[in-house]
Amino acid sequence: MFAAPVKFKLPSGAAEGETRLTAFDKAILQAGVGNCNLIKVSSILPSRCRLGQDIILPPGALVPVAYGFITSDVPGEVITAAVAVGLAEDPGSYGIIMEHSGRAPRAVVEAEIVRMLEEAFTSRSLPLKTVLVESVEHRVVKLGCAFAGVILWY
């Protein structure tokens, strides 16, 4: 069994690359998580997990992360990736993470992800207190990637 993470942070980055994979790699490097092994998780923030921007990830670490990303090879296209974390009114409760991306400006993707987060809280009959959103918008030059994530750490 895995231990529950106690810290989280919301990094984001965008970059261009020669291929979709190298654009993604450069975007996660820009976000500060490119030298780790990202392990994709779903949408529950563990109880007692607190925002900690001081998280230092050792190279090669296995890092749980909920993330959204998008790539595009259409020059001039605007792409956005976003994540949102919802914290419940009860400080001992779990939180919810949503991730989203789209071929749209930041404001549109952020509005959509907040609606998704509100729906997730409503589905659980959980009162929502705080919403944290991180997003990155990128105008494609040749082949671009936008990445946003919620890193969970110990």
C-alpha atoms as a PDB file:
ATOM      1  CA  MET A   1       0.000   0.000   0.000  1.00  0.00           C
ATOM      2  CA  PHE A   2       1.192   3.524  -0.780  1.00  0.00           C
ATOM      3  CA  ALA A   3       1.405   6.268   1.839  1.00  0.00           C
ATOM      4  CA  ALA A   4      -0.911   9.228   1.304  1.00  0.00           C
ATOM      5  CA  PRO A   5       0.891  12.369   0.126  1.00  0.00           C
ATOM      6  CA  VAL A   6       0.840  15.350   2.499  1.00  0.00           C
ATOM      7  CA  LYS A   7       1.813  18.187   0.126  1.00  0.00           C
ATOM      8  CA  PHE A   8       0.788  19.342  -3.315  1.00  0.00           C
ATOM      9  CA  LYS A   9       1.745  22.031  -5.798  1.00  0.00           C
ATOM     10  CA  LEU A  10       0.397  23.183  -9.154  1.00  0.00           C
ATOM     11  CA  PRO A  11       3.114  23.518 -11.803  1.00  0.00           C
ATOM     12  CA  SER A  12       2.531  24.425 -15.438  1.00  0.00           C
ATOM     13  CA  GLY A  13       4.612  24.938 -18.533  1.00  0.00           C
ATOM     14  CA  ALA A  14       4.433  25.290 -22.295  1.00  0.00           C
ATOM     15  CA  ALA A  15       6.996  24.733 -25.006  1.00  0.00           C
ATOM     16  CA  GLU A  16       7.711  23.980 -28.634  1.00  0.00           C
ATOM     17  CA  GLY A  17       9.386  20.807 -29.864  1.00  0.00           C
ATOM     18  CA  GLU A  18      10.267  18.959 -33.031  1.00  0.00           C
ATOM     19  CA  THR A  19       7.839  16.146 -32.103  1.00  0.00           C
ATOM     20  CA  ARG A  20       4.812  15.876 -29.827  1.00  0.00           C
ATOM     21  CA  LEU A  21       6.885  13.925 -27.304  1.00  0.00           C
ATOM     22  CA  THR A  22       9.734  16.434 -27.218  1.00  0.00           C
ATOM     23  CA  ALA A  23       7.264  19.329 -26.949  1.00  0.00           C
ATOM     24  CA  PHE A  24       5.692  17.545 -23.947  1.00  0.00           C
ATOM     25  CA  ASP A  25       9.150  16.881 -22.469  1.00  0.00           C
ATOM     26  CA  LYS A  26      10.117  20.549 -22.785  1.00  0.00           C
ATOM     27  CA  ALA A  27       6.787  21.670 -21.290  1.00  0.00           C
ATOM     28  CA  ILE A  28       7.248  19.471 -18.204  1.00  0.00           C
ATOM     29  CA  LEU A  29      10.836  20.697 -17.915  1.00  0.00           C
ATOM     30  CA  GLN A  30       9.539  24.270 -17.952  1.00  0.00           C
ATOM     31  CA  ALA A  31       7.037  23.280 -15.255  1.00  0.00           C
ATOM     32  CA  GLY A  32       9.891  21.984 -13.099  1.00  0.00           C
ATOM     33  CA  VAL A  33       8.875  18.311 -13.170  1.00  0.00           C
ATOM     34  CA  GLY A  34      10.714  17.069 -16.250  1.00  0.00           C
ATOM     35  CA  ASN A  35      13.411  15.126 -14.421  1.00  0.00           C
ATOM     36  CA  CYS A  36      10.927  12.953 -12.530  1.00  0.00           C
ATOM     37  CA  ASN A  37       8.876   9.899 -13.400  1.00  0.00           C
ATOM     38  CA  LEU A  38       5.303  11.168 -13.445  1.00  0.00           C
ATOM     39  CA  ILE A  39       2.744   8.613 -12.297  1.00  0.00           C
ATOM     40  CA  LYS A  40      -0.717   9.674 -13.442  1.00  0.00           C
ATOM     41  CA  VAL A  41      -3.396   9.547 -10.745  1.00  0.00           C
ATOM     42  CA  SER A  42      -7.069  10.437 -10.771  1.00  0.00           C
ATOM     43  CA  SER A  43      -8.974  13.132  -9.032  1.00  0.00           C
ATOM     44  CA  ILE A  44      -8.879  12.845  -5.239  1.00  0.00           C
ATOM     45  CA  LEU A  45      -6.626  15.041  -3.100  1.00  0.00           C
ATOM     46  CA  PRO A  46      -5.872  13.139   0.124  1.00  0.00           C
ATOM     47  CA  SER A  47      -7.142  14.591   3.382  1.00  0.00           C
ATOM     48  CA  ARG A  48      -4.490  16.546   5.279  1.00  0.00           C
ATOM     49  CA  CYS A  49      -2.689  17.272   1.984  1.00  0.00           C
ATOM     50  CA  ARG A  50      -1.651  20.942   1.996  1.00  0.00           C
ATOM     51  CA  LEU A  51      -0.336  23.358  -0.612  1.00  0.00           C
ATOM     52  CA  GLY A  52       3.459  23.455  -0.471  1.00  0.00           C
ATOM     53  CA  GLN A  53       5.239  25.339  -3.238  1.00  0.00           C
ATOM     54  CA  ASP A  54       8.566  24.512  -1.525  1.00  0.00           C
ATOM     55  CA  ILE A  55       8.460  20.902  -2.742  1.00  0.00           C
ATOM     56  CA  ILE A  56      11.811  19.756  -4.133  1.00  0.00           C
ATOM     57  CA  LEU A  57      11.575  16.663  -6.316  1.00  0.00           C
ATOM     58  CA  PRO A  58      14.724  14.541  -6.567  1.00  0.00           C
ATOM     59  CA  PRO A  59      15.684  13.543 -10.123  1.00  0.00           C
ATOM     60  CA  GLY A  60      14.217  10.162 -10.980  1.00  0.00           C
ATOM     61  CA  ALA A  61      11.598  10.301  -8.211  1.00  0.00           C
ATOM     62  CA  LEU A  62       8.288   8.506  -8.758  1.00  0.00           C
ATOM     63  CA  VAL A  63       5.838  11.398  -8.499  1.00  0.00           C
ATOM     64  CA  PRO A  64       2.051  11.041  -8.338  1.00  0.00           C
ATOM     65  CA  VAL A  65       0.440  13.710 -10.513  1.00  0.00           C
ATOM     66  CA  ALA A  66      -2.962  14.539 -11.960  1.00  0.00           C
ATOM     67  CA  TYR A  67      -2.361  16.476 -15.154  1.00  0.00           C
ATOM     68  CA  GLY A  68      -3.834  17.796 -18.334  1.00  0.00           C
ATOM     69  CA  PHE A  69      -1.902  18.509 -21.496  1.00  0.00           C
ATOM     70  CA  ILE A  70      -2.489  19.281 -25.122  1.00  0.00           C
ATOM     71  CA  THR A  71      -0.288  19.344 -28.202  1.00  0.00           C
ATOM     72  CA  SER A  72      -0.889  21.008 -31.543  1.00  0.00           C
ATOM     73  CA  ASP A  73       0.926  21.351 -34.841  1.00  0.00           C
ATOM     74  CA  VAL A  74      -1.311  24.137 -36.155  1.00  0.00           C
ATOM     75  CA  PRO A  75       0.727  27.361 -36.297  1.00  0.00           C
ATOM     76  CA  GLY A  76      -1.070  30.233 -34.578  1.00  0.00           C
ATOM     77  CA  GLU A  77      -3.491  27.985 -32.686  1.00  0.00           C
ATOM     78  CA  VAL A  78      -4.030  28.829 -29.019  1.00  0.00           C
ATOM     79  CA  ILE A  79      -3.907  25.821 -26.682  1.00  0.00           C
ATOM     80  CA  THR A  80      -4.415  25.765 -22.927  1.00  0.00           C
ATOM     81  CA  ALA A  81      -3.934  23.211 -20.166  1.00  0.00           C
ATOM     82  CA  ALA A  82      -5.390  23.689 -16.696  1.00  0.00           C
ATOM     83  CA  VAL A  83      -5.824  21.985 -13.348  1.00  0.00           C
ATOM     84  CA  ALA A  84      -8.076  22.910 -10.467  1.00  0.00           C
ATOM     85  CA  VAL A  85      -8.035  21.812  -6.846  1.00  0.00           C
ATOM     86  CA  GLY A  86     -11.133  22.124  -4.705  1.00  0.00           C
ATOM     87  CA  LEU A  87     -10.862  22.139  -0.930  1.00  0.00           C
ATOM     88  CA  ALA A  88     -13.876  21.260   1.181  1.00  0.00           C
ATOM     89  CA  GLU A  89     -15.306  23.348   4.011  1.00  0.00           C
ATOM     90  CA  ASP A  90     -14.294  20.612   6.469  1.00  0.00           C
ATOM     91  CA  PRO A  91     -10.481  20.931   6.767  1.00  0.00           C
ATOM     92  CA  GLY A  92     -10.228  17.205   7.593  1.00  0.00           C
ATOM     93  CA  SER A  93     -11.973  16.181   4.377  1.00  0.00           C
ATOM     94  CA  TYR A  94     -10.428  15.128   1.096  1.00  0.00           C
ATOM     95  CA  GLY A  95     -10.291  17.478  -1.867  1.00  0.00           C
ATOM     96  CA  ILE A  96     -10.939  17.039  -5.557  1.00  0.00           C
ATOM     97  CA  ILE A  97      -8.625  17.596  -8.522  1.00  0.00           C
ATOM     98  CA  MET A  98      -9.779  18.279 -12.064  1.00  0.00           C
ATOM     99  CA  GLU A  99      -7.603  18.483 -15.153  1.00  0.00           C
ATOM    100  CA  HIS A 100      -8.593  19.851 -18.547  1.00  0.00           C
ATOM    101  CA  SER A 101      -7.139  21.111 -21.812  1.00  0.00           C
ATOM    102  CA  GLY A 102      -8.486  22.645 -24.969  1.00  0.00           C
ATOM    103  CA  ARG A 103      -7.913  24.525 -28.176  1.00  0.00           C
ATOM    104  CA  ALA A 104      -9.134  27.704 -26.551  1.00  0.00           C
ATOM    105  CA  PRO A 105      -7.879  30.712 -24.600  1.00  0.00           C
ATOM    106  CA  ARG A 106      -7.016  30.413 -20.911  1.00  0.00           C
ATOM    107  CA  ALA A 107     -10.197  32.150 -19.711  1.00  0.00           C
ATOM    108  CA  VAL A 108     -12.428  29.619 -21.506  1.00  0.00           C
ATOM    109  CA  VAL A 109     -10.555  26.553 -20.225  1.00  0.00           C
ATOM    110  CA  GLU A 110     -10.389  27.953 -16.683  1.00  0.00           C
ATOM    111  CA  ALA A 111     -14.148  28.616 -16.641  1.00  0.00           C
ATOM    112  CA  GLU A 112     -14.814  25.060 -17.870  1.00  0.00           C
ATOM    113  CA  ILE A 113     -12.567  23.454 -15.267  1.00  0.00           C
ATOM    114  CA  VAL A 114     -14.150  25.410 -12.415  1.00  0.00           C
ATOM    115  CA  ARG A 115     -17.592  24.208 -13.560  1.00  0.00           C
ATOM    116  CA  MET A 116     -16.278  20.620 -13.613  1.00  0.00           C
ATOM    117  CA  LEU A 117     -14.907  21.002 -10.091  1.00  0.00           C
ATOM    118  CA  GLU A 118     -18.188  22.425  -8.801  1.00  0.00           C
ATOM    119  CA  GLU A 119     -20.086  19.520 -10.374  1.00  0.00           C
ATOM    120  CA  ALA A 120     -17.726  16.989  -8.771  1.00  0.00           C
ATOM    121  CA  PHE A 121     -18.326  18.525  -5.336  1.00  0.00           C
ATOM    122  CA  THR A 122     -22.088  18.594  -5.904  1.00  0.00           C
ATOM    123  CA  SER A 123     -22.041  14.922  -6.965  1.00  0.00           C
ATOM    124  CA  ARG A 124     -20.462  14.067  -3.621  1.00  0.00           C
ATOM    125  CA  SER A 125     -22.675  16.402  -1.554  1.00  0.00           C
ATOM    126  CA  LEU A 126     -19.446  17.985  -0.367  1.00  0.00           C
ATOM    127  CA  PRO A 127     -19.437  21.728   0.426  1.00  0.00           C
ATOM    128  CA  LEU A 128     -16.757  23.527  -1.622  1.00  0.00           C
ATOM    129  CA  LYS A 129     -14.764  26.208   0.200  1.00  0.00           C
ATOM    130  CA  THR A 130     -11.674  27.020  -1.870  1.00  0.00           C
ATOM    131  CA  VAL A 131     -10.813  26.710  -5.564  1.00  0.00           C
ATOM    132  CA  LEU A 132      -7.204  26.844  -6.779  1.00  0.00           C
ATOM    133  CA  VAL A 133      -6.590  27.009 -10.532  1.00  0.00           C
ATOM    134  CA  GLU A 134      -3.344  26.795 -12.475  1.00  0.00           C
ATOM    135  CA  SER A 135      -3.251  27.113 -16.247  1.00  0.00           C
ATOM    136  CA  VAL A 136      -0.960  27.898 -19.117  1.00  0.00           C
ATOM    137  CA  GLU A 137      -1.863  29.217 -22.555  1.00  0.00           C
ATOM    138  CA  HIS A 138       0.402  28.749 -25.578  1.00  0.00           C
ATOM    139  CA  ARG A 139       0.234  30.079 -29.125  1.00  0.00           C
ATOM    140  CA  VAL A 140       1.699  27.398 -31.369  1.00  0.00           C
ATOM    141  CA  VAL A 141       4.659  28.333 -33.548  1.00  0.00           C
ATOM    142  CA  LYS A 142       5.301  24.946 -35.145  1.00  0.00           C
ATOM    143  CA  LEU A 143       4.480  22.127 -32.695  1.00  0.00           C
ATOM    144  CA  GLY A 144       3.575  23.136 -29.171  1.00  0.00           C
ATOM    145  CA  CYS A 145       2.487  21.622 -25.889  1.00  0.00           C
ATOM    146  CA  ALA A 146       0.762  23.058 -22.826  1.00  0.00           C
ATOM    147  CA  PHE A 147       0.920  21.151 -19.513  1.00  0.00           C
ATOM    148  CA  ALA A 148      -0.617  21.775 -16.088  1.00  0.00           C
ATOM    149  CA  GLY A 149      -0.525  19.393 -13.159  1.00  0.00           C
ATOM    150  CA  VAL A 150      -1.124  18.798  -9.486  1.00  0.00           C
ATOM    151  CA  ILE A 151       1.973  17.200  -7.993  1.00  0.00           C
ATOM    152  CA  LEU A 152       1.397  15.138  -4.856  1.00  0.00           C
ATOM    153  CA  TRP A 153       4.341  14.686  -2.481  1.00  0.00           C
ATOM    154  CA  TYR A 154       5.348  13.270   0.893  1.00  0.00           C
END
